[in-house]
Amino acid sequence: MEMSPERRAKWISNLAEGARQEVSSAIGLLQGADDPGVQEAFRPLVQQLEEVHRALQDLT
């Protein structure tokens, strides 16, 4: 069954918002590490996740 364009847009927005919240949680966990070495090790991943977070925000 095909969705109306409005319903599809709302579905995509809701899906993007849920994903954005999960990415935000992951960023918080990685940045909140007590060990500076761990924070440094995950810095490239955090940067990528921040880009994904911004892209998802554009969809909501």
N, C-alpha and C. Protein backbone atom coordinates (compact mmCIF):
# COMPACT_ATOMS: atom_id res chain seq x y z
N MET A 1 0.84 -1.18 0.00
CA MET A 1 0.00 0.00 0.00
C MET A 1 0.89 1.24 0.00
N GLU A 2 0.55 2.18 -0.83
CA GLU A 2 1.34 3.40 -0.98
C GLU A 2 0.88 4.45 0.04
N MET A 3 1.87 5.18 0.57
CA MET A 3 1.58 6.25 1.55
C MET A 3 1.38 7.57 0.82
N SER A 4 0.58 8.41 1.44
CA SER A 4 0.44 9.77 0.91
C SER A 4 1.76 10.50 1.13
N PRO A 5 2.06 11.50 0.32
CA PRO A 5 3.31 12.25 0.51
C PRO A 5 3.43 12.87 1.89
N GLU A 6 2.32 13.35 2.44
CA GLU A 6 2.36 13.96 3.77
C GLU A 6 2.68 12.92 4.84
N ARG A 7 2.06 11.77 4.72
CA ARG A 7 2.29 10.71 5.71
C ARG A 7 3.72 10.18 5.60
N ARG A 8 4.21 10.06 4.38
CA ARG A 8 5.59 9.61 4.17
C ARG A 8 6.57 10.61 4.76
N ALA A 9 6.33 11.90 4.54
CA ALA A 9 7.21 12.94 5.09
C ALA A 9 7.21 12.90 6.61
N LYS A 10 6.05 12.70 7.21
CA LYS A 10 5.95 12.62 8.67
C LYS A 10 6.68 11.38 9.19
N TRP A 11 6.54 10.25 8.48
CA TRP A 11 7.21 9.01 8.86
C TRP A 11 8.72 9.19 8.81
N ILE A 12 9.22 9.80 7.74
CA ILE A 12 10.66 10.05 7.61
C ILE A 12 11.15 10.97 8.72
N SER A 13 10.39 12.01 9.00
CA SER A 13 10.75 12.95 10.05
C SER A 13 10.82 12.25 11.41
N ASN A 14 9.84 11.43 11.71
CA ASN A 14 9.83 10.70 12.99
C ASN A 14 10.99 9.72 13.08
N LEU A 15 11.26 9.03 12.00
CA LEU A 15 12.37 8.09 11.96
C LEU A 15 13.70 8.82 12.15
N ALA A 16 13.86 9.94 11.46
CA ALA A 16 15.08 10.74 11.59
C ALA A 16 15.24 11.27 13.01
N GLU A 17 14.16 11.68 13.64
CA GLU A 17 14.24 12.19 15.01
C GLU A 17 14.68 11.10 15.97
N GLY A 18 14.13 9.91 15.82
CA GLY A 18 14.55 8.79 16.67
C GLY A 18 16.03 8.47 16.48
N ALA A 19 16.47 8.44 15.24
CA ALA A 19 17.88 8.16 14.95
C ALA A 19 18.77 9.28 15.49
N ARG A 20 18.31 10.52 15.37
CA ARG A 20 19.09 11.66 15.87
C ARG A 20 19.28 11.55 17.38
N GLN A 21 18.24 11.15 18.09
CA GLN A 21 18.34 10.99 19.54
C GLN A 21 19.33 9.88 19.92
N GLU A 22 19.32 8.79 19.16
CA GLU A 22 20.25 7.70 19.43
C GLU A 22 21.69 8.13 19.16
N VAL A 23 21.91 8.86 18.08
CA VAL A 23 23.25 9.36 17.76
C VAL A 23 23.71 10.33 18.84
N SER A 24 22.81 11.17 19.30
CA SER A 24 23.13 12.12 20.36
C SER A 24 23.56 11.38 21.63
N SER A 25 22.88 10.31 21.95
CA SER A 25 23.24 9.51 23.13
C SER A 25 24.62 8.89 22.96
N ALA A 26 24.90 8.37 21.77
CA ALA A 26 26.21 7.77 21.51
C ALA A 26 27.32 8.81 21.64
N ILE A 27 27.09 10.00 21.12
CA ILE A 27 28.08 11.07 21.23
C ILE A 27 28.34 11.38 22.70
N GLY A 28 27.28 11.50 23.47
CA GLY A 28 27.42 11.79 24.90
C GLY A 28 28.21 10.73 25.64
N LEU A 29 27.96 9.47 25.32
CA LEU A 29 28.69 8.39 25.96
C LEU A 29 30.18 8.44 25.61
N LEU A 30 30.48 8.64 24.34
CA LEU A 30 31.87 8.65 23.91
C LEU A 30 32.63 9.87 24.44
N GLN A 31 31.97 11.01 24.50
CA GLN A 31 32.62 12.21 25.01
C GLN A 31 32.72 12.20 26.53
N GLY A 32 31.87 11.41 27.18
CA GLY A 32 31.83 11.39 28.63
C GLY A 32 32.79 10.40 29.26
N ALA A 33 33.62 9.77 28.45
CA ALA A 33 34.57 8.80 29.00
C ALA A 33 35.52 9.50 29.98
N ASP A 34 35.81 8.85 31.09
CA ASP A 34 36.68 9.43 32.11
C ASP A 34 38.14 9.47 31.68
N ASP A 35 38.54 8.56 30.85
CA ASP A 35 39.93 8.44 30.43
C ASP A 35 40.19 9.31 29.19
N PRO A 36 41.08 10.31 29.30
CA PRO A 36 41.37 11.15 28.15
C PRO A 36 41.87 10.36 26.94
N GLY A 37 42.55 9.25 27.18
CA GLY A 37 43.02 8.41 26.09
C GLY A 37 41.87 7.81 25.31
N VAL A 38 40.82 7.43 26.04
CA VAL A 38 39.62 6.88 25.39
C VAL A 38 38.93 7.97 24.58
N GLN A 39 38.82 9.15 25.16
CA GLN A 39 38.21 10.28 24.44
C GLN A 39 38.98 10.55 23.15
N GLU A 40 40.28 10.55 23.23
CA GLU A 40 41.11 10.81 22.05
C GLU A 40 40.95 9.71 21.01
N ALA A 41 40.89 8.47 21.46
CA ALA A 41 40.74 7.35 20.54
C ALA A 41 39.42 7.42 19.76
N PHE A 42 38.39 7.92 20.40
CA PHE A 42 37.08 7.98 19.76
C PHE A 42 36.79 9.34 19.09
N ARG A 43 37.72 10.28 19.15
CA ARG A 43 37.49 11.60 18.58
C ARG A 43 37.06 11.55 17.11
N PRO A 44 37.72 10.75 16.23
CA PRO A 44 37.27 10.71 14.83
C PRO A 44 35.83 10.17 14.68
N LEU A 45 35.49 9.19 15.50
CA LEU A 45 34.13 8.65 15.45
C LEU A 45 33.13 9.69 15.92
N VAL A 46 33.46 10.42 16.97
CA VAL A 46 32.57 11.46 17.47
C VAL A 46 32.34 12.52 16.39
N GLN A 47 33.39 12.88 15.68
CA GLN A 47 33.26 13.87 14.60
C GLN A 47 32.31 13.37 13.51
N GLN A 48 32.44 12.10 13.15
CA GLN A 48 31.54 11.52 12.15
C GLN A 48 30.11 11.48 12.65
N LEU A 49 29.93 11.11 13.91
CA LEU A 49 28.59 11.07 14.48
C LEU A 49 27.97 12.46 14.54
N GLU A 50 28.79 13.48 14.80
CA GLU A 50 28.26 14.85 14.82
C GLU A 50 27.79 15.26 13.42
N GLU A 51 28.47 14.82 12.37
CA GLU A 51 28.02 15.10 11.01
C GLU A 51 26.69 14.40 10.72
N VAL A 52 26.58 13.15 11.15
CA VAL A 52 25.34 12.40 10.98
C VAL A 52 24.22 13.09 11.75
N HIS A 53 24.52 13.56 12.96
CA HIS A 53 23.53 14.25 13.80
C HIS A 53 22.99 15.48 13.08
N ARG A 54 23.89 16.26 12.48
CA ARG A 54 23.46 17.46 11.75
C ARG A 54 22.59 17.10 10.55
N ALA A 55 22.98 16.06 9.82
CA ALA A 55 22.21 15.63 8.65
C ALA A 55 20.81 15.17 9.05
N LEU A 56 20.73 14.43 10.17
CA LEU A 56 19.43 13.97 10.64
C LEU A 56 18.57 15.13 11.10
N GLN A 57 19.20 16.14 11.67
CA GLN A 57 18.45 17.30 12.11
C GLN A 57 17.78 18.00 10.93
N ASP A 58 18.47 17.99 9.79
CA ASP A 58 17.90 18.61 8.59
C ASP A 58 16.65 17.88 8.10
N LEU A 59 16.53 16.60 8.44
CA LEU A 59 15.37 15.80 8.01
C LEU A 59 14.17 15.94 8.94
N THR A 60 14.40 16.50 10.12
CA THR A 60 13.29 16.59 11.09
C THR A 60 12.61 17.93 11.01
